[in-house]
Amino acid sequence: KSLHTGIPGQGSRGTNQDDLIMQGTIVSVNYSPSVVTRVYLP
């Protein structure tokens, strides 16, 4: 959940976003990589 998605502690006039990144591993498409998640929509 986020309040300040732009500059910390400041508001802006537009939509912004925050990102959470998973530690990854480079996988060639020859190995058919995929990613799955479950998401709860309130």
PDB file of all heavy atoms in Angstrom:
ATOM      1  N   LYS A   1       0.850  -1.189   0.000  1.00  0.00           N
ATOM      2  CA  LYS A   1       0.000   0.000   0.000  1.00  0.00           C
ATOM      3  C   LYS A   1       0.880   1.232   0.000  1.00  0.00           C
ATOM      4  O   LYS A   1       1.948   1.241   0.621  1.00  0.00           O
ATOM      5  CB  LYS A   1      -0.894  -0.018   1.237  1.00  0.00           C
ATOM      6  CG  LYS A   1      -2.001   1.001   1.279  1.00  0.00           C
ATOM      7  CD  LYS A   1      -2.853   0.766   2.519  1.00  0.00           C
ATOM      8  CE  LYS A   1      -4.003   1.747   2.610  1.00  0.00           C
ATOM      9  NZ  LYS A   1      -4.841   1.501   3.815  1.00  0.00           N
ATOM     10  N   SER A   2       0.470   2.294  -0.691  1.00  0.00           N
ATOM     11  CA  SER A   2       1.293   3.504  -0.773  1.00  0.00           C
ATOM     12  C   SER A   2       0.455   4.765  -0.652  1.00  0.00           C
ATOM     13  O   SER A   2      -0.693   4.820  -1.086  1.00  0.00           O
ATOM     14  CB  SER A   2       2.074   3.553  -2.093  1.00  0.00           C
ATOM     15  OG  SER A   2       3.250   2.779  -2.029  1.00  0.00           O
ATOM     16  N   LEU A   3       1.073   5.796  -0.060  1.00  0.00           N
ATOM     17  CA  LEU A   3       0.511   7.143  -0.010  1.00  0.00           C
ATOM     18  C   LEU A   3       1.312   8.074  -0.913  1.00  0.00           C
ATOM     19  O   LEU A   3       0.763   8.727  -1.787  1.00  0.00           O
ATOM     20  CB  LEU A   3       0.518   7.672   1.423  1.00  0.00           C
ATOM     21  CG  LEU A   3       0.005   9.099   1.610  1.00  0.00           C
ATOM     22  CD1 LEU A   3      -1.447   9.213   1.177  1.00  0.00           C
ATOM     23  CD2 LEU A   3       0.180   9.539   3.068  1.00  0.00           C
ATOM     24  N   HIS A   4       2.636   8.127  -0.690  1.00  0.00           N
ATOM     25  CA  HIS A   4       3.517   8.979  -1.490  1.00  0.00           C
ATOM     26  C   HIS A   4       4.226   8.115  -2.533  1.00  0.00           C
ATOM     27  O   HIS A   4       5.261   7.522  -2.255  1.00  0.00           O
ATOM     28  CB  HIS A   4       4.538   9.682  -0.600  1.00  0.00           C
ATOM     29  CG  HIS A   4       3.920  10.611   0.403  1.00  0.00           C
ATOM     30  ND1 HIS A   4       3.310  11.792   0.049  1.00  0.00           N
ATOM     31  CD2 HIS A   4       3.807  10.520   1.752  1.00  0.00           C
ATOM     32  CE1 HIS A   4       2.864  12.400   1.134  1.00  0.00           C
ATOM     33  NE2 HIS A   4       3.143  11.644   2.176  1.00  0.00           N
ATOM     34  N   THR A   5       3.665   8.024  -3.725  1.00  0.00           N
ATOM     35  CA  THR A   5       4.281   7.235  -4.786  1.00  0.00           C
ATOM     36  C   THR A   5       5.269   8.051  -5.608  1.00  0.00           C
ATOM     37  O   THR A   5       5.940   7.510  -6.485  1.00  0.00           O
ATOM     38  CB  THR A   5       3.208   6.647  -5.722  1.00  0.00           C
ATOM     39  OG1 THR A   5       2.323   7.702  -6.129  1.00  0.00           O
ATOM     40  CG2 THR A   5       2.406   5.561  -5.014  1.00  0.00           C
ATOM     41  N   GLY A   6       5.359   9.335  -5.326  1.00  0.00           N
ATOM     42  CA  GLY A   6       6.326  10.196  -6.000  1.00  0.00           C
ATOM     43  C   GLY A   6       7.486  10.500  -5.069  1.00  0.00           C
ATOM     44  O   GLY A   6       8.109   9.594  -4.505  1.00  0.00           O
ATOM     45  N   ILE A   7       7.789  11.771  -4.883  1.00  0.00           N
ATOM     46  CA  ILE A   7       8.860  12.182  -3.982  1.00  0.00           C
ATOM     47  C   ILE A   7       8.405  11.961  -2.544  1.00  0.00           C
ATOM     48  O   ILE A   7       7.297  12.359  -2.182  1.00  0.00           O
ATOM     49  CB  ILE A   7       9.229  13.653  -4.211  1.00  0.00           C
ATOM     50  CG1 ILE A   7       9.728  13.854  -5.642  1.00  0.00           C
ATOM     51  CG2 ILE A   7      10.279  14.117  -3.211  1.00  0.00           C
ATOM     52  CD1 ILE A   7       9.954  15.300  -6.020  1.00  0.00           C
ATOM     53  N   PRO A   8       9.210  11.298  -1.703  1.00  0.00           N
ATOM     54  CA  PRO A   8       8.796  11.017  -0.326  1.00  0.00           C
ATOM     55  C   PRO A   8       8.343  12.277   0.408  1.00  0.00           C
ATOM     56  O   PRO A   8       9.014  13.305   0.383  1.00  0.00           O
ATOM     57  CB  PRO A   8      10.076  10.446   0.302  1.00  0.00           C
ATOM     58  CG  PRO A   8      10.838   9.879  -0.840  1.00  0.00           C
ATOM     59  CD  PRO A   8      10.564  10.789  -1.997  1.00  0.00           C
ATOM     60  N   GLY A   9       7.163  12.180   1.048  1.00  0.00           N
ATOM     61  CA  GLY A   9       6.654  13.275   1.845  1.00  0.00           C
ATOM     62  C   GLY A   9       6.038  14.411   1.072  1.00  0.00           C
ATOM     63  O   GLY A   9       5.596  15.401   1.669  1.00  0.00           O
ATOM     64  N   GLN A  10       5.991  14.300  -0.243  1.00  0.00           N
ATOM     65  CA  GLN A  10       5.428  15.366  -1.062  1.00  0.00           C
ATOM     66  C   GLN A  10       4.321  14.810  -1.953  1.00  0.00           C
ATOM     67  O   GLN A  10       4.367  13.661  -2.372  1.00  0.00           O
ATOM     68  CB  GLN A  10       6.499  16.010  -1.949  1.00  0.00           C
ATOM     69  CG  GLN A  10       7.635  16.657  -1.192  1.00  0.00           C
ATOM     70  CD  GLN A  10       8.620  17.337  -2.124  1.00  0.00           C
ATOM     71  OE1 GLN A  10       8.269  17.794  -3.214  1.00  0.00           O
ATOM     72  NE2 GLN A  10       9.873  17.411  -1.695  1.00  0.00           N
ATOM     73  N   GLY A  11       3.362  15.631  -2.241  1.00  0.00           N
ATOM     74  CA  GLY A  11       2.332  15.264  -3.188  1.00  0.00           C
ATOM     75  C   GLY A  11       2.666  15.804  -4.565  1.00  0.00           C
ATOM     76  O   GLY A  11       3.577  16.611  -4.735  1.00  0.00           O
ATOM     77  N   SER A  12       1.930  15.341  -5.562  1.00  0.00           N
ATOM     78  CA  SER A  12       2.118  15.835  -6.916  1.00  0.00           C
ATOM     79  C   SER A  12       0.751  15.981  -7.563  1.00  0.00           C
ATOM     80  O   SER A  12      -0.271  15.669  -6.956  1.00  0.00           O
ATOM     81  CB  SER A  12       3.002  14.894  -7.737  1.00  0.00           C
ATOM     82  OG  SER A  12       2.326  13.678  -7.998  1.00  0.00           O
ATOM     83  N   ARG A  13       0.728  16.431  -8.775  1.00  0.00           N
ATOM     84  CA  ARG A  13      -0.538  16.637  -9.472  1.00  0.00           C
ATOM     85  C   ARG A  13      -0.912  15.475 -10.374  1.00  0.00           C
ATOM     86  O   ARG A  13      -1.894  15.545 -11.111  1.00  0.00           O
ATOM     87  CB  ARG A  13      -0.459  17.920 -10.297  1.00  0.00           C
ATOM     88  CG  ARG A  13      -0.294  19.174  -9.454  1.00  0.00           C
ATOM     89  CD  ARG A  13      -0.298  20.420 -10.327  1.00  0.00           C
ATOM     90  NE  ARG A  13      -0.158  21.632  -9.533  1.00  0.00           N
ATOM     91  CZ  ARG A  13      -0.135  22.853 -10.040  1.00  0.00           C
ATOM     92  NH1 ARG A  13      -0.247  23.026 -11.363  1.00  0.00           N
ATOM     93  NH2 ARG A  13      -0.010  23.915  -9.259  1.00  0.00           N
ATOM     94  N   GLY A  14      -0.128  14.406 -10.337  1.00  0.00           N
ATOM     95  CA  GLY A  14      -0.396  13.294 -11.242  1.00  0.00           C
ATOM     96  C   GLY A  14      -0.249  11.955 -10.563  1.00  0.00           C
ATOM     97  O   GLY A  14       0.125  11.846  -9.391  1.00  0.00           O
ATOM     98  N   THR A  15      -0.555  10.918 -11.328  1.00  0.00           N
ATOM     99  CA  THR A  15      -0.418   9.548 -10.844  1.00  0.00           C
ATOM    100  C   THR A  15       1.043   9.134 -10.857  1.00  0.00           C
ATOM    101  O   THR A  15       1.770   9.418 -11.800  1.00  0.00           O
ATOM    102  CB  THR A  15      -1.232   8.599 -11.737  1.00  0.00           C
ATOM    103  OG1 THR A  15      -2.618   8.941 -11.642  1.00  0.00           O
ATOM    104  CG2 THR A  15      -1.045   7.151 -11.314  1.00  0.00           C
ATOM    105  N   ASN A  16       1.470   8.456  -9.802  1.00  0.00           N
ATOM    106  CA  ASN A  16       2.814   7.896  -9.727  1.00  0.00           C
ATOM    107  C   ASN A  16       2.735   6.460  -9.238  1.00  0.00           C
ATOM    108  O   ASN A  16       1.649   5.947  -8.935  1.00  0.00           O
ATOM    109  CB  ASN A  16       3.713   8.741  -8.826  1.00  0.00           C
ATOM    110  CG  ASN A  16       4.241   9.986  -9.527  1.00  0.00           C
ATOM    111  OD1 ASN A  16       4.806   9.897 -10.609  1.00  0.00           O
ATOM    112  ND2 ASN A  16       4.035  11.145  -8.916  1.00  0.00           N
ATOM    113  N   GLN A  17       3.887   5.807  -9.123  1.00  0.00           N
ATOM    114  CA  GLN A  17       3.905   4.400  -8.722  1.00  0.00           C
ATOM    115  C   GLN A  17       5.137   4.082  -7.902  1.00  0.00           C
ATOM    116  O   GLN A  17       6.165   4.768  -7.974  1.00  0.00           O
ATOM    117  CB  GLN A  17       3.874   3.493  -9.942  1.00  0.00           C
ATOM    118  CG  GLN A  17       5.191   3.443 -10.711  1.00  0.00           C
ATOM    119  CD  GLN A  17       5.116   2.591 -11.954  1.00  0.00           C
ATOM    120  OE1 GLN A  17       4.315   2.858 -12.843  1.00  0.00           O
ATOM    121  NE2 GLN A  17       5.939   1.561 -12.028  1.00  0.00           N
ATOM    122  N   ASP A  18       4.995   3.012  -7.112  1.00  0.00           N
ATOM    123  CA  ASP A  18       6.126   2.400  -6.421  1.00  0.00           C
ATOM    124  C   ASP A  18       6.312   0.999  -6.979  1.00  0.00           C
ATOM    125  O   ASP A  18       5.362   0.383  -7.475  1.00  0.00           O
ATOM    126  CB  ASP A  18       5.867   2.320  -4.913  1.00  0.00           C
ATOM    127  CG  ASP A  18       5.895   3.680  -4.239  1.00  0.00           C
ATOM    128  OD1 ASP A  18       6.705   4.528  -4.657  1.00  0.00           O
ATOM    129  OD2 ASP A  18       5.111   3.889  -3.291  1.00  0.00           O
ATOM    130  N   ASP A  19       7.539   0.467  -6.880  1.00  0.00           N
ATOM    131  CA  ASP A  19       7.855  -0.845  -7.435  1.00  0.00           C
ATOM    132  C   ASP A  19       8.494  -1.732  -6.371  1.00  0.00           C
ATOM    133  O   ASP A  19       9.336  -1.271  -5.598  1.00  0.00           O
ATOM    134  CB  ASP A  19       8.848  -0.725  -8.603  1.00  0.00           C
ATOM    135  CG  ASP A  19       8.342   0.165  -9.715  1.00  0.00           C
ATOM    136  OD1 ASP A  19       7.118   0.242  -9.906  1.00  0.00           O
ATOM    137  OD2 ASP A  19       9.167   0.784 -10.403  1.00  0.00           O
ATOM    138  N   LEU A  20       8.113  -2.991  -6.356  1.00  0.00           N
ATOM    139  CA  LEU A  20       8.757  -4.004  -5.518  1.00  0.00           C
ATOM    140  C   LEU A  20       9.310  -5.071  -6.446  1.00  0.00           C
ATOM    141  O   LEU A  20       8.566  -5.695  -7.211  1.00  0.00           O
ATOM    142  CB  LEU A  20       7.757  -4.614  -4.539  1.00  0.00           C
ATOM    143  CG  LEU A  20       8.334  -5.665  -3.590  1.00  0.00           C
ATOM    144  CD1 LEU A  20       9.357  -5.044  -2.645  1.00  0.00           C
ATOM    145  CD2 LEU A  20       7.229  -6.359  -2.810  1.00  0.00           C
ATOM    146  N   ILE A  21      10.628  -5.299  -6.378  1.00  0.00           N
ATOM    147  CA  ILE A  21      11.314  -6.144  -7.361  1.00  0.00           C
ATOM    148  C   ILE A  21      11.780  -7.455  -6.724  1.00  0.00           C
ATOM    149  O   ILE A  21      12.397  -7.458  -5.653  1.00  0.00           O
ATOM    150  CB  ILE A  21      12.518  -5.401  -7.954  1.00  0.00           C
ATOM    151  CG1 ILE A  21      12.050  -4.082  -8.589  1.00  0.00           C
ATOM    152  CG2 ILE A  21      13.235  -6.262  -8.990  1.00  0.00           C
ATOM    153  CD1 ILE A  21      13.180  -3.212  -9.068  1.00  0.00           C
ATOM    154  N   MET A  22      11.500  -8.557  -7.395  1.00  0.00           N
ATOM    155  CA  MET A  22      11.958  -9.870  -6.936  1.00  0.00           C
ATOM    156  C   MET A  22      13.367 -10.127  -7.434  1.00  0.00           C
ATOM    157  O   MET A  22      13.697  -9.817  -8.575  1.00  0.00           O
ATOM    158  CB  MET A  22      11.016 -10.972  -7.450  1.00  0.00           C
ATOM    159  CG  MET A  22      11.425 -12.383  -7.043  1.00  0.00           C
ATOM    160  SD  MET A  22      10.319 -13.659  -7.714  1.00  0.00           S
ATOM    161  CE  MET A  22       8.992 -13.597  -6.529  1.00  0.00           C
ATOM    162  N   GLN A  23      14.193 -10.702  -6.562  1.00  0.00           N
ATOM    163  CA  GLN A  23      15.518 -11.116  -7.007  1.00  0.00           C
ATOM    164  C   GLN A  23      15.347 -12.129  -8.132  1.00  0.00           C
ATOM    165  O   GLN A  23      14.621 -13.118  -7.986  1.00  0.00           O
ATOM    166  CB  GLN A  23      16.290 -11.776  -5.846  1.00  0.00           C
ATOM    167  CG  GLN A  23      16.631 -10.815  -4.721  1.00  0.00           C
ATOM    168  CD  GLN A  23      17.875  -9.977  -5.041  1.00  0.00           C
ATOM    169  OE1 GLN A  23      18.387 -10.023  -6.151  1.00  0.00           O
ATOM    170  NE2 GLN A  23      18.334  -9.217  -4.068  1.00  0.00           N
ATOM    171  N   GLY A  24      15.969 -11.870  -9.257  1.00  0.00           N
ATOM    172  CA  GLY A  24      15.767 -12.717 -10.415  1.00  0.00           C
ATOM    173  C   GLY A  24      17.013 -13.453 -10.849  1.00  0.00           C
ATOM    174  O   GLY A  24      18.104 -13.254 -10.326  1.00  0.00           O
ATOM    175  N   THR A  25      16.830 -14.332 -11.811  1.00  0.00           N
ATOM    176  CA  THR A  25      17.912 -15.081 -12.429  1.00  0.00           C
ATOM    177  C   THR A  25      17.688 -15.062 -13.938  1.00  0.00           C
ATOM    178  O   THR A  25      16.577 -15.300 -14.402  1.00  0.00           O
ATOM    179  CB  THR A  25      17.928 -16.539 -11.938  1.00  0.00           C
ATOM    180  OG1 THR A  25      18.138 -16.551 -10.521  1.00  0.00           O
ATOM    181  CG2 THR A  25      19.047 -17.324 -12.612  1.00  0.00           C
ATOM    182  N   ILE A  26      18.715 -14.765 -14.693  1.00  0.00           N
ATOM    183  CA  ILE A  26      18.574 -14.743 -16.144  1.00  0.00           C
ATOM    184  C   ILE A  26      18.304 -16.157 -16.654  1.00  0.00           C
ATOM    185  O   ILE A  26      19.082 -17.079 -16.389  1.00  0.00           O
ATOM    186  CB  ILE A  26      19.838 -14.173 -16.803  1.00  0.00           C
ATOM    187  CG1 ILE A  26      20.080 -12.733 -16.338  1.00  0.00           C
ATOM    188  CG2 ILE A  26      19.721 -14.214 -18.323  1.00  0.00           C
ATOM    189  CD1 ILE A  26      21.386 -12.151 -16.813  1.00  0.00           C
ATOM    190  N   VAL A  27      17.194 -16.320 -17.361  1.00  0.00           N
ATOM    191  CA  VAL A  27      16.810 -17.624 -17.905  1.00  0.00           C
ATOM    192  C   VAL A  27      16.492 -17.460 -19.386  1.00  0.00           C
ATOM    193  O   VAL A  27      15.624 -16.671 -19.759  1.00  0.00           O
ATOM    194  CB  VAL A  27      15.586 -18.210 -17.179  1.00  0.00           C
ATOM    195  CG1 VAL A  27      15.249 -19.591 -17.748  1.00  0.00           C
ATOM    196  CG2 VAL A  27      15.827 -18.294 -15.677  1.00  0.00           C
ATOM    197  N   SER A  28      17.194 -18.194 -20.237  1.00  0.00           N
ATOM    198  CA  SER A  28      16.930 -18.164 -21.673  1.00  0.00           C
ATOM    199  C   SER A  28      15.521 -18.670 -21.960  1.00  0.00           C
ATOM    200  O   SER A  28      15.013 -19.568 -21.264  1.00  0.00           O
ATOM    201  CB  SER A  28      17.958 -19.028 -22.405  1.00  0.00           C
ATOM    202  OG  SER A  28      17.560 -19.267 -23.741  1.00  0.00           O
ATOM    203  N   VAL A  29      14.893 -18.122 -22.997  1.00  0.00           N
ATOM    204  CA  VAL A  29      13.564 -18.612 -23.367  1.00  0.00           C
ATOM    205  C   VAL A  29      13.616 -20.052 -23.860  1.00  0.00           C
ATOM    206  O   VAL A  29      12.573 -20.709 -23.960  1.00  0.00           O
ATOM    207  CB  VAL A  29      12.913 -17.709 -24.439  1.00  0.00           C
ATOM    208  CG1 VAL A  29      12.613 -16.332 -23.886  1.00  0.00           C
ATOM    209  CG2 VAL A  29      13.768 -17.625 -25.695  1.00  0.00           C
ATOM    210  N   ASN A  30      14.786 -20.569 -24.152  1.00  0.00           N
ATOM    211  CA  ASN A  30      14.914 -21.978 -24.511  1.00  0.00           C
ATOM    212  C   ASN A  30      14.469 -22.887 -23.372  1.00  0.00           C
ATOM    213  O   ASN A  30      14.166 -24.061 -23.580  1.00  0.00           O
ATOM    214  CB  ASN A  30      16.351 -22.318 -24.900  1.00  0.00           C
ATOM    215  CG  ASN A  30      16.763 -21.658 -26.197  1.00  0.00           C
ATOM    216  OD1 ASN A  30      15.934 -21.456 -27.083  1.00  0.00           O
ATOM    217  ND2 ASN A  30      18.028 -21.307 -26.330  1.00  0.00           N
ATOM    218  N   TYR A  31      14.438 -22.350 -22.134  1.00  0.00           N
ATOM    219  CA  TYR A  31      14.008 -23.109 -20.959  1.00  0.00           C
ATOM    220  C   TYR A  31      12.582 -22.752 -20.548  1.00  0.00           C
ATOM    221  O   TYR A  31      12.150 -23.107 -19.455  1.00  0.00           O
ATOM    222  CB  TYR A  31      14.970 -22.874 -19.798  1.00  0.00           C
ATOM    223  CG  TYR A  31      16.356 -23.412 -20.063  1.00  0.00           C
ATOM    224  CD1 TYR A  31      17.335 -22.599 -20.615  1.00  0.00           C
ATOM    225  CD2 TYR A  31      16.674 -24.738 -19.780  1.00  0.00           C
ATOM    226  CE1 TYR A  31      18.611 -23.092 -20.879  1.00  0.00           C
ATOM    227  CE2 TYR A  31      17.937 -25.236 -20.035  1.00  0.00           C
ATOM    228  CZ  TYR A  31      18.908 -24.413 -20.588  1.00  0.00           C
ATOM    229  OH  TYR A  31      20.167 -24.905 -20.851  1.00  0.00           O
ATOM    230  N   SER A  32      11.868 -22.048 -21.407  1.00  0.00           N
ATOM    231  CA  SER A  32      10.461 -21.698 -21.180  1.00  0.00           C
ATOM    232  C   SER A  32      10.197 -21.153 -19.776  1.00  0.00           C
ATOM    233  O   SER A  32       9.404 -21.724 -19.017  1.00  0.00           O
ATOM    234  CB  SER A  32       9.561 -22.912 -21.457  1.00  0.00           C
ATOM    235  OG  SER A  32       9.676 -23.323 -22.792  1.00  0.00           O
ATOM    236  N   PRO A  33      10.869 -20.055 -19.383  1.00  0.00           N
ATOM    237  CA  PRO A  33      10.640 -19.493 -18.054  1.00  0.00           C
ATOM    238  C   PRO A  33       9.218 -18.947 -17.917  1.00  0.00           C
ATOM    239  O   PRO A  33       8.576 -18.568 -18.908  1.00  0.00           O
ATOM    240  CB  PRO A  33      11.674 -18.368 -17.975  1.00  0.00           C
ATOM    241  CG  PRO A  33      11.918 -17.973 -19.401  1.00  0.00           C
ATOM    242  CD  PRO A  33      11.808 -19.248 -20.187  1.00  0.00           C
ATOM    243  N   SER A  34       8.743 -18.921 -16.685  1.00  0.00           N
ATOM    244  CA  SER A  34       7.417 -18.374 -16.424  1.00  0.00           C
ATOM    245  C   SER A  34       7.372 -17.814 -15.010  1.00  0.00           C
ATOM    246  O   SER A  34       8.260 -18.077 -14.190  1.00  0.00           O
ATOM    247  CB  SER A  34       6.336 -19.446 -16.592  1.00  0.00           C
ATOM    248  OG  SER A  34       6.474 -20.479 -15.632  1.00  0.00           O
ATOM    249  N   VAL A  35       6.342 -17.046 -14.733  1.00  0.00           N
ATOM    250  CA  VAL A  35       6.167 -16.470 -13.398  1.00  0.00           C
ATOM    251  C   VAL A  35       4.673 -16.491 -13.074  1.00  0.00           C
ATOM    252  O   VAL A  35       3.831 -16.287 -13.946  1.00  0.00           O
ATOM    253  CB  VAL A  35       6.745 -15.033 -13.340  1.00  0.00           C
ATOM    254  CG1 VAL A  35       6.073 -14.119 -14.349  1.00  0.00           C
ATOM    255  CG2 VAL A  35       6.655 -14.461 -11.942  1.00  0.00           C
ATOM    256  N   VAL A  36       4.360 -16.786 -11.814  1.00  0.00           N
ATOM    257  CA  VAL A  36       2.985 -16.923 -11.347  1.00  0.00           C
ATOM    258  C   VAL A  36       2.832 -16.186 -10.027  1.00  0.00           C
ATOM    259  O   VAL A  36       3.769 -16.138  -9.223  1.00  0.00           O
ATOM    260  CB  VAL A  36       2.607 -18.408 -11.133  1.00  0.00           C
ATOM    261  CG1 VAL A  36       1.205 -18.538 -10.546  1.00  0.00           C
ATOM    262  CG2 VAL A  36       2.691 -19.188 -12.421  1.00  0.00           C
ATOM    263  N   THR A  37       1.659 -15.616  -9.789  1.00  0.00           N
ATOM    264  CA  THR A  37       1.353 -15.047  -8.478  1.00  0.00           C
ATOM    265  C   THR A  37      -0.145 -15.149  -8.213  1.00  0.00           C
ATOM    266  O   THR A  37      -0.949 -15.247  -9.145  1.00  0.00           O
ATOM    267  CB  THR A  37       1.806 -13.575  -8.372  1.00  0.00           C
ATOM    268  OG1 THR A  37       1.769 -13.166  -7.013  1.00  0.00           O
ATOM    269  CG2 THR A  37       0.924 -12.662  -9.217  1.00  0.00           C
ATOM    270  N   ARG A  38      -0.495 -15.128  -6.934  1.00  0.00           N
ATOM    271  CA  ARG A  38      -1.886 -14.962  -6.530  1.00  0.00           C
ATOM    272  C   ARG A  38      -2.054 -13.530  -6.037  1.00  0.00           C
ATOM    273  O   ARG A  38      -1.176 -13.006  -5.345  1.00  0.00           O
ATOM    274  CB  ARG A  38      -2.266 -15.936  -5.419  1.00  0.00           C
ATOM    275  CG  ARG A  38      -2.781 -17.282  -5.915  1.00  0.00           C
ATOM    276  CD  ARG A  38      -1.697 -18.155  -6.461  1.00  0.00           C
ATOM    277  NE  ARG A  38      -2.210 -19.446  -6.925  1.00  0.00           N
ATOM    278  CZ  ARG A  38      -1.436 -20.406  -7.393  1.00  0.00           C
ATOM    279  NH1 ARG A  38      -0.119 -20.246  -7.458  1.00  0.00           N
ATOM    280  NH2 ARG A  38      -1.979 -21.546  -7.802  1.00  0.00           N
ATOM    281  N   VAL A  39      -3.169 -12.911  -6.398  1.00  0.00           N
ATOM    282  CA  VAL A  39      -3.443 -11.524  -6.022  1.00  0.00           C
ATOM    283  C   VAL A  39      -4.847 -11.442  -5.447  1.00  0.00           C
ATOM    284  O   VAL A  39      -5.800 -11.953  -6.049  1.00  0.00           O
ATOM    285  CB  VAL A  39      -3.333 -10.576  -7.237  1.00  0.00           C
ATOM    286  CG1 VAL A  39      -3.569  -9.135  -6.806  1.00  0.00           C
ATOM    287  CG2 VAL A  39      -1.980 -10.705  -7.907  1.00  0.00           C
ATOM    288  N   TYR A  40      -4.962 -10.778  -4.288  1.00  0.00           N
ATOM    289  CA  TYR A  40      -6.269 -10.592  -3.668  1.00  0.00           C
ATOM    290  C   TYR A  40      -6.812  -9.222  -4.043  1.00  0.00           C
ATOM    291  O   TYR A  40      -6.202  -8.196  -3.767  1.00  0.00           O
ATOM    292  CB  TYR A  40      -6.180 -10.707  -2.153  1.00  0.00           C
ATOM    293  CG  TYR A  40      -7.517 -10.547  -1.470  1.00  0.00           C
ATOM    294  CD1 TYR A  40      -8.453 -11.584  -1.466  1.00  0.00           C
ATOM    295  CD2 TYR A  40      -7.857  -9.353  -0.831  1.00  0.00           C
ATOM    296  CE1 TYR A  40      -9.690 -11.444  -0.860  1.00  0.00           C
ATOM    297  CE2 TYR A  40      -9.093  -9.202  -0.217  1.00  0.00           C
ATOM    298  CZ  TYR A  40     -10.000 -10.252  -0.234  1.00  0.00           C
ATOM    299  OH  TYR A  40     -11.223 -10.103   0.367  1.00  0.00           O
ATOM    300  N   LEU A  41      -7.979  -9.210  -4.710  1.00  0.00           N
ATOM    301  CA  LEU A  41      -8.646  -7.980  -5.099  1.00  0.00           C
ATOM    302  C   LEU A  41      -9.739  -7.675  -4.084  1.00  0.00           C
ATOM    303  O   LEU A  41     -10.691  -8.453  -3.941  1.00  0.00           O
ATOM    304  CB  LEU A  41      -9.279  -8.111  -6.492  1.00  0.00           C
ATOM    305  CG  LEU A  41      -8.373  -7.993  -7.720  1.00  0.00           C
ATOM    306  CD1 LEU A  41      -7.306  -9.080  -7.745  1.00  0.00           C
ATOM    307  CD2 LEU A  41      -9.211  -8.047  -8.991  1.00  0.00           C
ATOM    308  N   PRO A  42      -9.607  -6.562  -3.340  1.00  0.00           N
ATOM    309  CA  PRO A  42     -10.640  -6.238  -2.348  1.00  0.00           C
ATOM    310  C   PRO A  42     -11.949  -5.850  -3.032  1.00  0.00           C
ATOM    311  O   PRO A  42     -11.973  -5.586  -4.238  1.00  0.00           O
ATOM    312  CB  PRO A  42     -10.027  -5.044  -1.597  1.00  0.00           C
ATOM    313  CG  PRO A  42      -9.092  -4.423  -2.577  1.00  0.00           C
ATOM    314  CD  PRO A  42      -8.538  -5.551  -3.400  1.00  0.00           C
TER     315      PRO A  42
END
